Amino acid sequence: MPGDLSERVFAAYYPALVRRSDRAGQARTRQRLLAHAEGATLEIGAGSGANLPWYPKTVTELVLADPSSYMLDHLRSALASVAEWPGSGTVSLAAAGFPSLPFDDASYDTVVVTYVLCSILDVVGAFTEIARVLKPQGRLLFLEHVRAADGSLLASVQDLVQRPHQLIADGCRPNCRTEGLLRASPLTVAWLERGEQPSAAPTVRPTIMGVAIR
């Protein structure tokens, strides 16, 4: 599909997939991860705003960034539907994303990415940009679906369906080797756990979640 049409179609159906997964248990995973957020916080690829209810009071500023105008519409609706968001500071939206973030060096205590890096072609560059905008000792909180273990049948299937999957899911790659790229980045993994995305197709079910430090 042409780029804009693909983006529009994806933005139309993606929030429903997120809600289904959250009802099946993903919301608890988000809550566990976002409990580590604090201070000035930037969420990149904020999508339909699924993380918004789970930010703790330790967040003093929240910037929700997404490069898609359609997703920014979802974010405006999500903010309008929240009577009182749980953080303690301001919330703002930004039309921004990879490969280049329009934020100053060392601006944020926390950066959040959830189900974003699968659609980024230059994941190494994305981690470098995240490290740039994080303050020293700042935290990256991540939750991403990833390629299954080498040698597994699922990994072979993920490789096989990569191209059609990218076409129908606005660039999402089911076989992204995110963990290895993160460990080779300027960030240091503090903790990482493997899991599964509930109510998801098998090709996007394996996940990693954790915290990395600048």
N, C-alpha and C. Protein backbone atom coordinates (compact mmCIF):
# COMPACT_ATOMS: atom_id res chain seq x y z
N MET A 1 0.84 -1.19 0.00
CA MET A 1 0.00 0.00 0.00
C MET A 1 0.88 1.25 0.00
N PRO A 2 0.45 2.32 -0.64
CA PRO A 2 1.19 3.58 -0.55
C PRO A 2 1.33 4.01 0.90
N GLY A 3 2.41 4.76 1.17
CA GLY A 3 2.75 5.08 2.55
C GLY A 3 1.64 5.69 3.38
N ASP A 4 1.02 6.76 2.89
CA ASP A 4 0.00 7.44 3.68
C ASP A 4 -1.22 6.55 3.90
N LEU A 5 -1.62 5.79 2.89
CA LEU A 5 -2.76 4.91 3.04
C LEU A 5 -2.47 3.82 4.05
N SER A 6 -1.27 3.24 3.97
CA SER A 6 -0.88 2.21 4.93
C SER A 6 -0.90 2.75 6.35
N GLU A 7 -0.39 3.96 6.53
CA GLU A 7 -0.36 4.59 7.85
C GLU A 7 -1.77 4.83 8.37
N ARG A 8 -2.64 5.29 7.48
CA ARG A 8 -4.02 5.58 7.88
C ARG A 8 -4.76 4.31 8.27
N VAL A 9 -4.60 3.25 7.47
CA VAL A 9 -5.28 1.98 7.75
C VAL A 9 -4.76 1.40 9.06
N PHE A 10 -3.44 1.44 9.25
CA PHE A 10 -2.86 0.91 10.48
C PHE A 10 -3.38 1.66 11.69
N ALA A 11 -3.44 2.98 11.61
CA ALA A 11 -3.93 3.79 12.73
C ALA A 11 -5.40 3.52 13.02
N ALA A 12 -6.15 3.06 12.01
CA ALA A 12 -7.57 2.78 12.20
C ALA A 12 -7.80 1.49 12.98
N TYR A 13 -6.97 0.46 12.72
CA TYR A 13 -7.24 -0.82 13.38
C TYR A 13 -6.33 -1.12 14.56
N TYR A 14 -5.19 -0.44 14.65
CA TYR A 14 -4.22 -0.77 15.70
C TYR A 14 -4.77 -0.57 17.12
N PRO A 15 -5.48 0.53 17.41
CA PRO A 15 -5.98 0.69 18.78
C PRO A 15 -6.84 -0.46 19.27
N ALA A 16 -7.62 -1.08 18.39
CA ALA A 16 -8.46 -2.22 18.78
C ALA A 16 -7.59 -3.41 19.17
N LEU A 17 -6.50 -3.64 18.44
CA LEU A 17 -5.58 -4.73 18.78
C LEU A 17 -4.94 -4.49 20.14
N VAL A 18 -4.59 -3.23 20.40
CA VAL A 18 -3.97 -2.89 21.68
C VAL A 18 -4.96 -3.11 22.82
N ARG A 19 -6.19 -2.68 22.65
CA ARG A 19 -7.19 -2.87 23.71
C ARG A 19 -7.41 -4.35 24.00
N ARG A 20 -7.46 -5.16 22.96
CA ARG A 20 -7.67 -6.60 23.16
C ARG A 20 -6.52 -7.21 23.94
N SER A 21 -5.30 -6.85 23.58
CA SER A 21 -4.12 -7.36 24.28
C SER A 21 -4.08 -6.88 25.72
N ASP A 22 -4.43 -5.61 25.93
CA ASP A 22 -4.42 -5.06 27.30
C ASP A 22 -5.46 -5.76 28.18
N ARG A 23 -6.63 -6.04 27.62
CA ARG A 23 -7.66 -6.74 28.40
C ARG A 23 -7.21 -8.16 28.75
N ALA A 24 -6.36 -8.73 27.90
CA ALA A 24 -5.89 -10.11 28.13
C ALA A 24 -4.69 -10.17 29.06
N GLY A 25 -4.24 -9.02 29.58
CA GLY A 25 -3.16 -9.02 30.55
C GLY A 25 -2.02 -8.07 30.26
N GLN A 26 -1.97 -7.48 29.05
CA GLN A 26 -0.88 -6.59 28.72
C GLN A 26 -0.90 -5.31 29.56
N ALA A 27 -2.07 -4.90 30.02
CA ALA A 27 -2.15 -3.69 30.85
C ALA A 27 -1.33 -3.85 32.13
N ARG A 28 -1.35 -5.04 32.72
CA ARG A 28 -0.57 -5.27 33.95
C ARG A 28 0.93 -5.18 33.65
N THR A 29 1.33 -5.65 32.47
CA THR A 29 2.73 -5.56 32.06
C THR A 29 3.13 -4.10 31.90
N ARG A 30 2.28 -3.31 31.26
CA ARG A 30 2.57 -1.88 31.11
C ARG A 30 2.72 -1.22 32.49
N GLN A 31 1.83 -1.55 33.39
CA GLN A 31 1.87 -0.96 34.73
C GLN A 31 3.18 -1.28 35.44
N ARG A 32 3.62 -2.53 35.34
CA ARG A 32 4.89 -2.94 35.96
C ARG A 32 6.06 -2.17 35.38
N LEU A 33 6.08 -2.02 34.06
CA LEU A 33 7.19 -1.34 33.41
C LEU A 33 7.20 0.15 33.76
N LEU A 34 6.05 0.80 33.64
CA LEU A 34 6.00 2.25 33.81
C LEU A 34 6.13 2.69 35.26
N ALA A 35 6.06 1.77 36.18
CA ALA A 35 6.34 2.10 37.58
C ALA A 35 7.77 2.62 37.75
N HIS A 36 8.64 2.35 36.76
CA HIS A 36 10.04 2.80 36.82
C HIS A 36 10.23 4.19 36.24
N ALA A 37 9.18 4.79 35.69
CA ALA A 37 9.30 6.13 35.09
C ALA A 37 9.38 7.19 36.18
N GLU A 38 10.19 8.21 35.92
CA GLU A 38 10.30 9.31 36.88
C GLU A 38 10.83 10.55 36.18
N GLY A 39 10.55 11.70 36.77
CA GLY A 39 11.07 12.96 36.27
C GLY A 39 10.52 13.32 34.91
N ALA A 40 11.30 14.07 34.15
CA ALA A 40 10.91 14.45 32.78
C ALA A 40 10.95 13.21 31.90
N THR A 41 9.82 12.88 31.29
CA THR A 41 9.67 11.61 30.59
C THR A 41 9.20 11.85 29.16
N LEU A 42 9.84 11.15 28.23
CA LEU A 42 9.49 11.20 26.82
C LEU A 42 9.06 9.81 26.37
N GLU A 43 7.83 9.71 25.85
CA GLU A 43 7.41 8.45 25.23
C GLU A 43 7.45 8.64 23.72
N ILE A 44 8.20 7.78 23.05
CA ILE A 44 8.38 7.85 21.60
C ILE A 44 7.49 6.80 20.95
N GLY A 45 6.71 7.21 19.95
CA GLY A 45 5.77 6.29 19.33
C GLY A 45 4.62 5.97 20.26
N ALA A 46 4.04 7.01 20.84
CA ALA A 46 3.03 6.82 21.88
C ALA A 46 1.72 6.24 21.36
N GLY A 47 1.54 6.23 20.03
CA GLY A 47 0.42 5.52 19.44
C GLY A 47 -0.94 6.00 19.89
N SER A 48 -1.75 5.08 20.40
CA SER A 48 -3.11 5.41 20.79
C SER A 48 -3.22 5.77 22.27
N GLY A 49 -2.09 5.88 22.97
CA GLY A 49 -2.11 6.33 24.36
C GLY A 49 -2.35 5.24 25.38
N ALA A 50 -2.04 3.99 25.04
CA ALA A 50 -2.31 2.88 25.96
C ALA A 50 -1.52 2.97 27.25
N ASN A 51 -0.37 3.62 27.23
CA ASN A 51 0.45 3.73 28.44
C ASN A 51 -0.01 4.84 29.38
N LEU A 52 -0.82 5.74 28.88
CA LEU A 52 -1.15 6.95 29.63
C LEU A 52 -1.68 6.69 31.04
N PRO A 53 -2.57 5.71 31.26
CA PRO A 53 -3.10 5.52 32.62
C PRO A 53 -2.09 5.00 33.62
N TRP A 54 -0.93 4.54 33.16
CA TRP A 54 -0.02 3.81 34.04
C TRP A 54 1.19 4.61 34.48
N TYR A 55 1.30 5.87 34.07
CA TYR A 55 2.43 6.67 34.53
C TYR A 55 2.24 7.04 36.00
N PRO A 56 3.29 6.88 36.81
CA PRO A 56 3.17 7.17 38.25
C PRO A 56 3.35 8.64 38.57
N LYS A 57 3.11 9.00 39.81
CA LYS A 57 3.22 10.40 40.24
C LYS A 57 4.66 10.89 40.22
N THR A 58 5.62 9.99 40.12
CA THR A 58 7.03 10.39 40.04
C THR A 58 7.37 11.05 38.71
N VAL A 59 6.45 10.97 37.73
CA VAL A 59 6.66 11.65 36.44
C VAL A 59 6.25 13.11 36.59
N THR A 60 7.19 14.01 36.38
CA THR A 60 6.93 15.45 36.58
C THR A 60 6.62 16.17 35.28
N GLU A 61 6.94 15.56 34.15
CA GLU A 61 6.63 16.11 32.83
C GLU A 61 6.54 14.94 31.86
N LEU A 62 5.52 14.93 31.01
CA LEU A 62 5.36 13.84 30.05
C LEU A 62 5.16 14.42 28.66
N VAL A 63 6.02 14.02 27.74
CA VAL A 63 5.88 14.37 26.33
C VAL A 63 5.55 13.10 25.56
N LEU A 64 4.39 13.11 24.90
CA LEU A 64 3.95 11.98 24.09
C LEU A 64 4.26 12.31 22.64
N ALA A 65 5.21 11.60 22.04
CA ALA A 65 5.66 11.90 20.68
C ALA A 65 5.25 10.79 19.73
N ASP A 66 4.79 11.19 18.55
CA ASP A 66 4.49 10.23 17.50
C ASP A 66 4.60 10.96 16.15
N PRO A 67 5.19 10.32 15.15
CA PRO A 67 5.32 11.01 13.85
C PRO A 67 4.05 10.98 13.01
N SER A 68 3.07 10.15 13.40
CA SER A 68 1.85 9.98 12.61
C SER A 68 0.76 10.96 13.07
N SER A 69 0.24 11.74 12.13
CA SER A 69 -0.85 12.65 12.46
C SER A 69 -2.09 11.89 12.91
N TYR A 70 -2.27 10.68 12.38
CA TYR A 70 -3.43 9.87 12.75
C TYR A 70 -3.31 9.37 14.19
N MET A 71 -2.10 8.97 14.58
CA MET A 71 -1.89 8.54 15.96
C MET A 71 -1.98 9.72 16.91
N LEU A 72 -1.54 10.90 16.48
CA LEU A 72 -1.67 12.08 17.33
C LEU A 72 -3.15 12.41 17.59
N ASP A 73 -4.01 12.13 16.62
CA ASP A 73 -5.45 12.29 16.85
C ASP A 73 -5.92 11.34 17.94
N HIS A 74 -5.43 10.09 17.90
CA HIS A 74 -5.78 9.13 18.96
C HIS A 74 -5.29 9.63 20.32
N LEU A 75 -4.09 10.20 20.34
CA LEU A 75 -3.55 10.68 21.60
C LEU A 75 -4.36 11.84 22.16
N ARG A 76 -4.81 12.73 21.30
CA ARG A 76 -5.67 13.83 21.77
C ARG A 76 -6.95 13.28 22.39
N SER A 77 -7.53 12.28 21.75
CA SER A 77 -8.75 11.66 22.28
C SER A 77 -8.48 10.98 23.61
N ALA A 78 -7.32 10.30 23.71
CA ALA A 78 -6.98 9.63 24.96
C ALA A 78 -6.80 10.62 26.08
N LEU A 79 -6.15 11.75 25.81
CA LEU A 79 -5.97 12.77 26.83
C LEU A 79 -7.30 13.38 27.25
N ALA A 80 -8.18 13.58 26.28
CA ALA A 80 -9.48 14.18 26.58
C ALA A 80 -10.33 13.25 27.44
N SER A 81 -10.10 11.95 27.33
CA SER A 81 -10.92 10.98 28.06
C SER A 81 -10.39 10.71 29.47
N VAL A 82 -9.21 11.24 29.78
CA VAL A 82 -8.62 11.04 31.11
C VAL A 82 -8.96 12.24 31.97
N ALA A 83 -9.79 12.02 32.95
CA ALA A 83 -10.22 13.13 33.82
C ALA A 83 -9.04 13.70 34.60
N GLU A 84 -8.19 12.81 35.08
CA GLU A 84 -7.01 13.25 35.84
C GLU A 84 -5.92 12.22 35.63
N TRP A 85 -4.90 12.55 34.87
CA TRP A 85 -3.86 11.56 34.62
C TRP A 85 -3.04 11.38 35.89
N PRO A 86 -2.48 10.18 36.08
CA PRO A 86 -1.88 9.86 37.39
C PRO A 86 -0.55 10.54 37.68
N GLY A 87 0.12 11.10 36.69
CA GLY A 87 1.38 11.78 36.95
C GLY A 87 1.19 13.08 37.69
N SER A 88 2.30 13.72 38.06
CA SER A 88 2.20 14.93 38.87
C SER A 88 2.46 16.20 38.07
N GLY A 89 2.81 16.10 36.78
CA GLY A 89 3.16 17.28 36.01
C GLY A 89 2.36 17.42 34.73
N THR A 90 2.91 18.18 33.81
CA THR A 90 2.21 18.50 32.58
C THR A 90 2.35 17.38 31.54
N VAL A 91 1.39 17.35 30.61
CA VAL A 91 1.42 16.42 29.49
C VAL A 91 1.32 17.23 28.21
N SER A 92 2.18 16.90 27.24
CA SER A 92 2.12 17.59 25.95
C SER A 92 2.35 16.58 24.83
N LEU A 93 1.95 16.98 23.62
CA LEU A 93 2.12 16.14 22.43
C LEU A 93 3.18 16.73 21.54
N ALA A 94 3.88 15.87 20.79
CA ALA A 94 4.89 16.31 19.84
C ALA A 94 4.83 15.46 18.60
N ALA A 95 4.81 16.09 17.44
CA ALA A 95 4.86 15.37 16.17
C ALA A 95 6.32 15.05 15.89
N ALA A 96 6.78 13.91 16.38
CA ALA A 96 8.21 13.60 16.31
C ALA A 96 8.42 12.09 16.38
N GLY A 97 9.53 11.66 15.82
CA GLY A 97 9.90 10.25 15.88
C GLY A 97 11.29 10.06 15.32
N PHE A 98 11.69 8.80 15.18
CA PHE A 98 13.01 8.50 14.61
C PHE A 98 12.97 8.76 13.10
N PRO A 99 14.12 9.04 12.47
CA PRO A 99 15.48 8.85 12.99
C PRO A 99 16.06 10.00 13.79
N SER A 100 15.44 11.18 13.75
CA SER A 100 16.01 12.34 14.43
C SER A 100 14.97 12.96 15.34
N LEU A 101 15.27 13.00 16.62
CA LEU A 101 14.35 13.55 17.61
C LEU A 101 14.63 15.03 17.83
N PRO A 102 13.62 15.89 17.80
CA PRO A 102 13.83 17.34 17.92
C PRO A 102 13.90 17.80 19.38
N PHE A 103 14.73 17.10 20.16
CA PHE A 103 14.86 17.43 21.58
C PHE A 103 16.34 17.62 21.90
N ASP A 104 16.63 18.47 22.88
CA ASP A 104 18.01 18.76 23.25
C ASP A 104 18.69 17.55 23.88
N ASP A 105 20.01 17.58 23.83
CA ASP A 105 20.79 16.55 24.51
C ASP A 105 20.47 16.55 26.01
N ALA A 106 20.48 15.36 26.60
CA ALA A 106 20.34 15.21 28.05
C ALA A 106 19.12 15.94 28.60
N SER A 107 17.97 15.77 27.94
CA SER A 107 16.75 16.48 28.32
C SER A 107 15.84 15.68 29.25
N TYR A 108 15.96 14.35 29.24
CA TYR A 108 14.95 13.52 29.89
C TYR A 108 15.56 12.54 30.88
N ASP A 109 14.82 12.36 31.98
CA ASP A 109 15.19 11.35 32.97
C ASP A 109 14.78 9.95 32.51
N THR A 110 13.68 9.89 31.75
CA THR A 110 13.12 8.61 31.31
C THR A 110 12.68 8.71 29.85
N VAL A 111 12.99 7.70 29.07
CA VAL A 111 12.43 7.53 27.74
C VAL A 111 11.70 6.19 27.70
N VAL A 112 10.53 6.19 27.06
CA VAL A 112 9.70 4.99 26.99
C VAL A 112 9.46 4.62 25.52
N VAL A 113 9.66 3.35 25.18
CA VAL A 113 9.25 2.82 23.88
C VAL A 113 8.53 1.50 24.11
N THR A 114 7.31 1.38 23.60
CA THR A 114 6.57 0.13 23.69
C THR A 114 6.01 -0.21 22.31
N TYR A 115 6.46 -1.32 21.77
CA TYR A 115 6.03 -1.81 20.45
C TYR A 115 6.24 -0.74 19.38
N VAL A 116 7.46 -0.21 19.34
CA VAL A 116 7.83 0.85 18.41
C VAL A 116 8.99 0.43 17.52
N LEU A 117 10.02 -0.18 18.10
CA LEU A 117 11.28 -0.42 17.40
C LEU A 117 11.14 -1.42 16.26
N CYS A 118 10.08 -2.22 16.26
CA CYS A 118 9.86 -3.19 15.19
C CYS A 118 9.67 -2.50 13.84
N SER A 119 9.23 -1.26 13.86
CA SER A 119 8.96 -0.54 12.61
C SER A 119 10.07 0.44 12.24
N ILE A 120 11.17 0.43 13.01
CA ILE A 120 12.30 1.33 12.76
C ILE A 120 13.38 0.56 12.02
N LEU A 121 13.76 1.03 10.83
CA LEU A 121 14.78 0.33 10.05
C LEU A 121 16.16 0.43 10.69
N ASP A 122 16.49 1.60 11.23
CA ASP A 122 17.80 1.80 11.86
C ASP A 122 17.63 1.78 13.37
N VAL A 123 17.56 0.58 13.93
CA VAL A 123 17.37 0.45 15.38
C VAL A 123 18.61 0.92 16.13
N VAL A 124 19.79 0.67 15.57
CA VAL A 124 21.03 1.14 16.19
C VAL A 124 20.99 2.67 16.32
N GLY A 125 20.58 3.34 15.24
CA GLY A 125 20.47 4.80 15.28
C GLY A 125 19.43 5.26 16.28
N ALA A 126 18.34 4.50 16.42
CA ALA A 126 17.30 4.85 17.39
C ALA A 126 17.84 4.79 18.81
N PHE A 127 18.61 3.76 19.13
CA PHE A 127 19.19 3.67 20.48
C PHE A 127 20.19 4.80 20.71
N THR A 128 20.91 5.18 19.69
CA THR A 128 21.85 6.29 19.82
C THR A 128 21.12 7.60 20.10
N GLU A 129 20.00 7.82 19.41
CA GLU A 129 19.19 9.02 19.65
C GLU A 129 18.60 9.01 21.06
N ILE A 130 18.14 7.85 21.50
CA ILE A 130 17.60 7.74 22.86
C ILE A 130 18.68 8.09 23.88
N ALA A 131 19.88 7.54 23.69
CA ALA A 131 20.98 7.85 24.61
C ALA A 131 21.31 9.34 24.59
N ARG A 132 21.19 9.96 23.43
CA ARG A 132 21.50 11.40 23.32
C ARG A 132 20.55 12.24 24.15
N VAL A 133 19.25 11.94 24.12
CA VAL A 133 18.28 12.79 24.81
C VAL A 133 18.14 12.44 26.29
N LEU A 134 18.69 11.30 26.70
CA LEU A 134 18.63 10.93 28.12
C LEU A 134 19.71 11.66 28.91
N LYS A 135 19.35 12.03 30.13
CA LYS A 135 20.35 12.57 31.05
C LYS A 135 21.29 11.44 31.50
N PRO A 136 22.49 11.78 31.98
CA PRO A 136 23.35 10.75 32.57
C PRO A 136 22.60 9.96 33.65
N GLN A 137 22.69 8.66 33.57
CA GLN A 137 21.97 7.73 34.46
C GLN A 137 20.46 7.70 34.19
N GLY A 138 20.03 8.35 33.09
CA GLY A 138 18.63 8.27 32.72
C GLY A 138 18.26 6.87 32.25
N ARG A 139 16.95 6.59 32.23
CA ARG A 139 16.47 5.22 31.97
C ARG A 139 15.67 5.14 30.68
N LEU A 140 15.94 4.10 29.92
CA LEU A 140 15.06 3.69 28.84
C LEU A 140 14.20 2.55 29.35
N LEU A 141 12.88 2.71 29.26
CA LEU A 141 11.94 1.63 29.58
C LEU A 141 11.43 1.07 28.26
N PHE A 142 11.57 -0.22 28.05
CA PHE A 142 11.22 -0.80 26.76
C PHE A 142 10.34 -2.04 26.92
N LEU A 143 9.41 -2.19 25.99
CA LEU A 143 8.58 -3.38 25.85
C LEU A 143 8.38 -3.58 24.35
N GLU A 144 8.98 -4.62 23.79
CA GLU A 144 9.00 -4.80 22.35
C GLU A 144 8.78 -6.27 21.98
N HIS A 145 8.08 -6.49 20.87
CA HIS A 145 8.03 -7.86 20.36
C HIS A 145 9.27 -8.08 19.50
N VAL A 146 9.79 -9.30 19.52
CA VAL A 146 11.11 -9.59 18.94
C VAL A 146 11.10 -10.93 18.21
N ARG A 147 12.20 -11.19 17.52
CA ARG A 147 12.39 -12.47 16.85
C ARG A 147 12.54 -13.57 17.90
N ALA A 148 11.95 -14.72 17.63
CA ALA A 148 12.07 -15.87 18.51
C ALA A 148 13.51 -16.40 18.49
N ALA A 149 13.78 -17.36 19.35
CA ALA A 149 15.14 -17.89 19.48
C ALA A 149 15.63 -18.47 18.16
N ASP A 150 16.92 -18.25 17.88
CA ASP A 150 17.53 -18.83 16.68
C ASP A 150 17.31 -20.34 16.64
N GLY A 151 17.01 -20.84 15.47
CA GLY A 151 16.81 -22.27 15.30
C GLY A 151 15.40 -22.75 15.55
N SER A 152 14.54 -21.86 16.07
CA SER A 152 13.16 -22.28 16.35
C SER A 152 12.32 -22.18 15.08
N LEU A 153 11.26 -22.97 15.06
CA LEU A 153 10.33 -22.92 13.92
C LEU A 153 9.70 -21.54 13.81
N LEU A 154 9.36 -20.94 14.95
CA LEU A 154 8.72 -19.63 14.93
C LEU A 154 9.63 -18.58 14.31
N ALA A 155 10.93 -18.62 14.63
CA ALA A 155 11.86 -17.67 14.04
C ALA A 155 11.91 -17.81 12.52
N SER A 156 11.86 -19.03 12.05
CA SER A 156 11.87 -19.26 10.60
C SER A 156 10.61 -18.70 9.96
N VAL A 157 9.48 -18.88 10.64
CA VAL A 157 8.22 -18.34 10.12
C VAL A 157 8.26 -16.81 10.12
N GLN A 158 8.79 -16.22 11.19
CA GLN A 158 8.91 -14.76 11.26
C GLN A 158 9.75 -14.23 10.10
N ASP A 159 10.85 -14.90 9.81
CA ASP A 159 11.68 -14.49 8.68
C ASP A 159 10.93 -14.61 7.36
N LEU A 160 10.16 -15.67 7.24
CA LEU A 160 9.45 -15.94 5.99
C LEU A 160 8.38 -14.89 5.70
N VAL A 161 7.70 -14.43 6.75
CA VAL A 161 6.57 -13.51 6.54
C VAL A 161 6.95 -12.04 6.72
N GLN A 162 8.24 -11.76 6.87
CA GLN A 162 8.63 -10.38 7.16
C GLN A 162 8.10 -9.39 6.12
N ARG A 163 8.31 -9.65 4.84
CA ARG A 163 7.92 -8.68 3.82
C ARG A 163 6.41 -8.43 3.77
N PRO A 164 5.58 -9.48 3.68
CA PRO A 164 4.14 -9.19 3.69
C PRO A 164 3.66 -8.55 4.98
N HIS A 165 4.29 -8.92 6.09
CA HIS A 165 3.90 -8.34 7.38
C HIS A 165 4.19 -6.85 7.39
N GLN A 166 5.33 -6.45 6.85
CA GLN A 166 5.66 -5.03 6.79
C GLN A 166 4.63 -4.25 5.96
N LEU A 167 4.14 -4.88 4.90
CA LEU A 167 3.20 -4.20 4.02
C LEU A 167 1.86 -3.95 4.69
N ILE A 168 1.38 -4.93 5.46
CA ILE A 168 0.05 -4.81 6.04
C ILE A 168 0.06 -4.15 7.42
N ALA A 169 1.24 -4.03 8.02
CA ALA A 169 1.33 -3.49 9.38
C ALA A 169 2.20 -2.25 9.45
N ASP A 170 2.18 -1.45 8.38
CA ASP A 170 2.85 -0.14 8.37
C ASP A 170 4.32 -0.24 8.76
N GLY A 171 5.03 -1.19 8.17
CA GLY A 171 6.47 -1.29 8.38
C GLY A 171 6.92 -2.17 9.52
N CYS A 172 6.00 -2.74 10.27
CA CYS A 172 6.36 -3.58 11.42
C CYS A 172 7.05 -4.87 10.96
N ARG A 173 8.22 -5.14 11.53
CA ARG A 173 8.97 -6.36 11.22
C ARG A 173 8.82 -7.34 12.38
N PRO A 174 8.33 -8.55 12.12
CA PRO A 174 8.14 -9.51 13.20
C PRO A 174 9.43 -10.16 13.68
N ASN A 175 10.53 -9.98 12.97
CA ASN A 175 11.78 -10.68 13.29
C ASN A 175 12.91 -9.73 13.69
N CYS A 176 12.59 -8.64 14.33
CA CYS A 176 13.60 -7.67 14.74
C CYS A 176 14.43 -8.24 15.90
N ARG A 177 15.76 -8.20 15.76
CA ARG A 177 16.67 -8.73 16.79
C ARG A 177 17.01 -7.59 17.78
N THR A 178 16.02 -7.12 18.47
CA THR A 178 16.14 -5.91 19.28
C THR A 178 17.09 -6.08 20.46
N GLU A 179 17.06 -7.23 21.10
CA GLU A 179 17.90 -7.40 22.29
C GLU A 179 19.38 -7.27 21.96
N GLY A 180 19.82 -7.94 20.91
CA GLY A 180 21.23 -7.87 20.54
C GLY A 180 21.65 -6.46 20.17
N LEU A 181 20.78 -5.74 19.45
CA LEU A 181 21.08 -4.37 19.07
C LEU A 181 21.13 -3.44 20.29
N LEU A 182 20.26 -3.70 21.27
CA LEU A 182 20.27 -2.90 22.49
C LEU A 182 21.57 -3.14 23.27
N ARG A 183 21.97 -4.38 23.38
CA ARG A 183 23.19 -4.70 24.15
C ARG A 183 24.44 -4.14 23.49
N ALA A 184 24.38 -3.90 22.18
CA ALA A 184 25.52 -3.32 21.46
C ALA A 184 25.45 -1.79 21.39
N SER A 185 24.44 -1.20 21.99
CA SER A 185 24.20 0.24 21.91
C SER A 185 24.94 0.98 23.02
N PRO A 186 24.85 2.32 23.06
CA PRO A 186 25.48 3.08 24.15
C PRO A 186 24.78 2.88 25.49
N LEU A 187 23.66 2.18 25.53
CA LEU A 187 22.91 1.97 26.76
C LEU A 187 23.32 0.66 27.43
N THR A 188 23.18 0.60 28.75
CA THR A 188 23.52 -0.60 29.52
C THR A 188 22.25 -1.22 30.07
N VAL A 189 22.02 -2.48 29.76
CA VAL A 189 20.81 -3.16 30.22
C VAL A 189 20.90 -3.42 31.72
N ALA A 190 19.96 -2.87 32.47
CA ALA A 190 19.91 -3.07 33.92
C ALA A 190 19.13 -4.34 34.26
N TRP A 191 18.01 -4.54 33.60
CA TRP A 191 17.28 -5.81 33.70
C TRP A 191 16.44 -6.03 32.45
N LEU A 192 16.24 -7.28 32.15
CA LEU A 192 15.49 -7.67 30.96
C LEU A 192 14.79 -8.99 31.23
N GLU A 193 13.53 -9.04 30.86
CA GLU A 193 12.82 -10.32 30.97
C GLU A 193 12.07 -10.60 29.68
N ARG A 194 11.96 -11.87 29.39
CA ARG A 194 11.26 -12.31 28.18
C ARG A 194 9.85 -12.72 28.53
N GLY A 195 8.92 -12.47 27.61
CA GLY A 195 7.54 -12.84 27.84
C GLY A 195 6.81 -13.02 26.53
N GLU A 196 5.49 -12.88 26.60
CA GLU A 196 4.66 -13.01 25.41
C GLU A 196 3.59 -11.92 25.41
N GLN A 197 3.31 -11.42 24.23
CA GLN A 197 2.24 -10.45 24.08
C GLN A 197 0.91 -11.21 24.01
N PRO A 198 0.01 -11.00 24.95
CA PRO A 198 -1.23 -11.77 24.96
C PRO A 198 -2.16 -11.37 23.82
N SER A 199 -2.96 -12.33 23.37
CA SER A 199 -3.94 -12.11 22.31
C SER A 199 -3.30 -11.52 21.06
N ALA A 200 -2.11 -12.01 20.73
CA ALA A 200 -1.39 -11.53 19.55
C ALA A 200 -1.12 -12.71 18.62
N ALA A 201 -0.93 -12.42 17.35
CA ALA A 201 -0.53 -13.45 16.40
C ALA A 201 0.80 -14.06 16.84
N PRO A 202 1.01 -15.35 16.61
CA PRO A 202 2.26 -15.99 17.05
C PRO A 202 3.52 -15.28 16.58
N THR A 203 3.49 -14.69 15.39
CA THR A 203 4.68 -14.04 14.84
C THR A 203 5.08 -12.78 15.58
N VAL A 204 4.18 -12.20 16.36
CA VAL A 204 4.52 -11.01 17.14
C VAL A 204 4.28 -11.25 18.63
N ARG A 205 4.33 -12.50 19.03
CA ARG A 205 4.07 -12.83 20.43
C ARG A 205 5.29 -12.75 21.34
N PRO A 206 6.48 -13.21 20.94
CA PRO A 206 7.63 -13.14 21.85
C PRO A 206 8.00 -11.68 22.15
N THR A 207 8.26 -11.38 23.41
CA THR A 207 8.58 -10.00 23.81
C THR A 207 9.80 -9.96 24.72
N ILE A 208 10.38 -8.76 24.79
CA ILE A 208 11.35 -8.43 25.84
C ILE A 208 10.87 -7.16 26.53
N MET A 209 11.13 -7.08 27.81
CA MET A 209 10.75 -5.91 28.60
C MET A 209 11.87 -5.63 29.57
N GLY A 210 12.12 -4.34 29.85
CA GLY A 210 13.14 -4.04 30.82
C GLY A 210 13.54 -2.60 30.89
N VAL A 211 14.71 -2.38 31.50
CA VAL A 211 15.26 -1.05 31.73
C VAL A 211 16.71 -1.04 31.28
N ALA A 212 17.08 0.00 30.54
CA ALA A 212 18.47 0.22 30.16
C ALA A 212 18.88 1.63 30.62
N ILE A 213 20.13 1.77 30.99
CA ILE A 213 20.64 3.00 31.60
C ILE A 213 21.64 3.68 30.67
N ARG A 214 21.55 5.00 30.59
CA ARG A 214 22.54 5.75 29.83
C ARG A 214 23.82 5.88 30.64
